[in-house]
Protein backbone atom coordinates (compact mmCIF):
# COMPACT_ATOMS: atom_id res chain seq x y z
CA MET A 1 23.60 79.78 -15.90
CA ARG A 2 24.64 79.48 -12.24
CA ASP A 3 24.19 81.33 -8.97
CA ASN A 4 27.03 82.86 -7.22
CA ALA A 5 28.07 82.02 -3.63
CA SER A 6 25.47 84.32 -2.08
CA GLY A 7 22.72 83.06 -4.54
CA LYS A 8 21.40 86.52 -5.02
CA VAL A 9 22.63 87.21 -8.59
CA LEU A 10 22.18 84.95 -11.55
CA LEU A 11 25.37 84.52 -13.67
CA SER A 12 25.60 83.58 -17.28
CA ASN A 13 28.08 83.78 -20.14
CA ILE A 14 25.34 84.27 -22.78
CA GLU A 15 23.68 87.51 -23.63
CA PHE A 16 20.15 86.52 -22.35
CA ILE A 17 18.61 84.04 -19.96
CA PRO A 18 15.89 81.92 -21.49
CA GLY A 19 12.56 82.43 -19.85
CA TYR A 20 13.51 85.95 -18.58
CA ALA A 21 13.16 89.40 -19.95
CA ILE A 22 15.79 92.15 -19.34
CA THR A 23 13.87 95.11 -17.85
CA ARG A 24 16.85 97.36 -17.02
CA HIS A 25 20.47 97.48 -18.17
CA LEU A 26 22.70 98.71 -15.32
CA GLY A 27 26.03 98.56 -17.09
CA LEU A 28 29.49 96.96 -16.62
CA VAL A 29 30.41 95.25 -13.41
CA GLN A 30 33.77 93.59 -12.58
CA GLY A 31 35.65 91.75 -9.99
CA SER A 32 39.33 90.94 -9.82
CA THR A 33 41.98 89.38 -7.66
CA VAL A 34 45.80 89.51 -7.82
CA ARG A 35 47.42 86.25 -6.75
CA ALA A 36 51.03 85.24 -6.37
CA LYS A 37 52.47 81.75 -6.67
CA ASN A 38 54.02 80.28 -3.44
CA ILE A 39 57.23 78.42 -2.99
CA GLY A 40 55.48 75.04 -2.20
CA ARG A 41 53.54 75.16 -5.45
CA ASP A 42 56.56 76.34 -7.45
CA MET A 43 58.62 73.34 -6.13
CA MET A 44 55.90 70.87 -7.01
CA ALA A 45 55.43 72.46 -10.41
CA GLY A 46 59.24 72.15 -11.06
CA LEU A 47 59.04 68.49 -10.38
CA LYS A 48 55.89 68.09 -12.61
CA ASN A 49 57.87 69.78 -15.35
CA ILE A 50 60.41 66.99 -15.32
CA VAL A 51 57.98 64.11 -15.20
CA GLY A 52 54.92 65.73 -16.83
CA GLY A 53 51.31 65.88 -15.75
CA GLU A 54 48.89 68.37 -14.35
CA LEU A 55 50.09 71.16 -12.10
CA LYS A 56 47.36 70.71 -9.52
CA GLY A 57 48.65 73.46 -7.23
CA TYR A 58 48.29 75.97 -9.98
CA THR A 59 44.96 74.58 -11.03
CA GLU A 60 43.68 75.09 -7.50
CA LEU A 61 45.14 78.59 -7.46
CA LEU A 62 43.34 79.48 -10.66
CA ASN A 63 40.09 78.02 -9.48
CA GLU A 64 40.25 80.00 -6.21
CA SER A 65 41.21 83.10 -8.13
CA ARG A 66 38.34 82.68 -10.62
CA GLN A 67 35.77 82.13 -7.82
CA GLU A 68 36.96 85.25 -5.87
CA ALA A 69 36.72 87.45 -9.00
CA ILE A 70 33.22 86.02 -9.80
CA ASP A 71 32.08 86.71 -6.18
CA ARG A 72 33.42 90.22 -6.19
CA MET A 73 31.73 90.84 -9.59
CA ALA A 74 28.32 89.46 -8.21
CA GLN A 75 28.64 91.65 -5.09
CA GLN A 76 29.13 94.70 -7.26
CA ALA A 77 26.16 93.88 -9.33
CA ASP A 78 24.06 93.22 -6.24
CA ALA A 79 25.14 96.61 -4.76
CA ILE A 80 23.73 98.48 -7.80
CA GLY A 81 20.47 96.61 -7.81
CA ALA A 82 21.05 93.89 -10.43
CA ASN A 83 19.66 90.39 -10.15
CA ALA A 84 21.81 89.02 -12.93
CA VAL A 85 25.09 89.45 -14.79
CA ILE A 86 25.07 88.34 -18.37
CA ASN A 87 27.69 87.92 -21.01
CA ILE A 88 30.43 87.16 -18.46
CA ARG A 89 34.02 87.08 -19.66
CA PHE A 90 37.41 86.51 -17.96
CA SER A 91 40.83 88.18 -18.56
CA THR A 92 44.23 87.59 -17.05
CA SER A 93 47.33 89.78 -16.90
CA ASN A 94 50.81 89.54 -15.36
CA ILE A 95 51.34 92.15 -12.67
CA THR A 96 54.92 91.21 -11.72
CA ALA A 97 57.05 88.12 -11.84
CA GLY A 98 55.12 85.43 -10.13
CA ALA A 99 51.88 87.50 -9.66
CA SER A 100 48.83 87.77 -12.03
CA GLU A 101 45.50 89.42 -12.06
CA LEU A 102 42.37 87.51 -12.88
CA LEU A 103 39.38 89.78 -13.91
CA ALA A 104 35.74 88.70 -14.38
CA TYR A 105 33.44 91.15 -16.01
CA GLY A 106 29.94 91.29 -17.44
CA THR A 107 26.78 93.27 -17.85
CA ALA A 108 24.64 93.85 -14.88
CA VAL A 109 20.89 93.70 -15.58
CA VAL A 110 17.60 93.35 -13.93
CA LEU A 111 15.54 90.37 -15.10
CA GLU A 112 11.87 89.45 -14.73
CA GLN A 113 10.46 86.01 -15.41
CA ARG A 114 8.23 85.94 -18.52
CA SER A 115 4.71 84.76 -17.92
């Protein structure tokens, strides 16, 4: 379980949060971003393909994309009154050559701490 950047919505990839009870189910929420590679990252990736190793430029790009999608999903959940998103999943798809979408989605709920 982790808080998003705003800290308002709890985020979890499991179906429940220990110590909390789901009091309302608000439905599916999602956030996405479409990102394109850039020439600098492509040149460095080409060199790494020759010598091997981690493609750090692409790792950074994916981390930034993932965080953007998570933040947008959490904002959507907050806007409909949720204080948590559970069962979070990720999906990617190619949009065009050199550009991909990263999608984060989950179930928006209202939680109350058990006494």
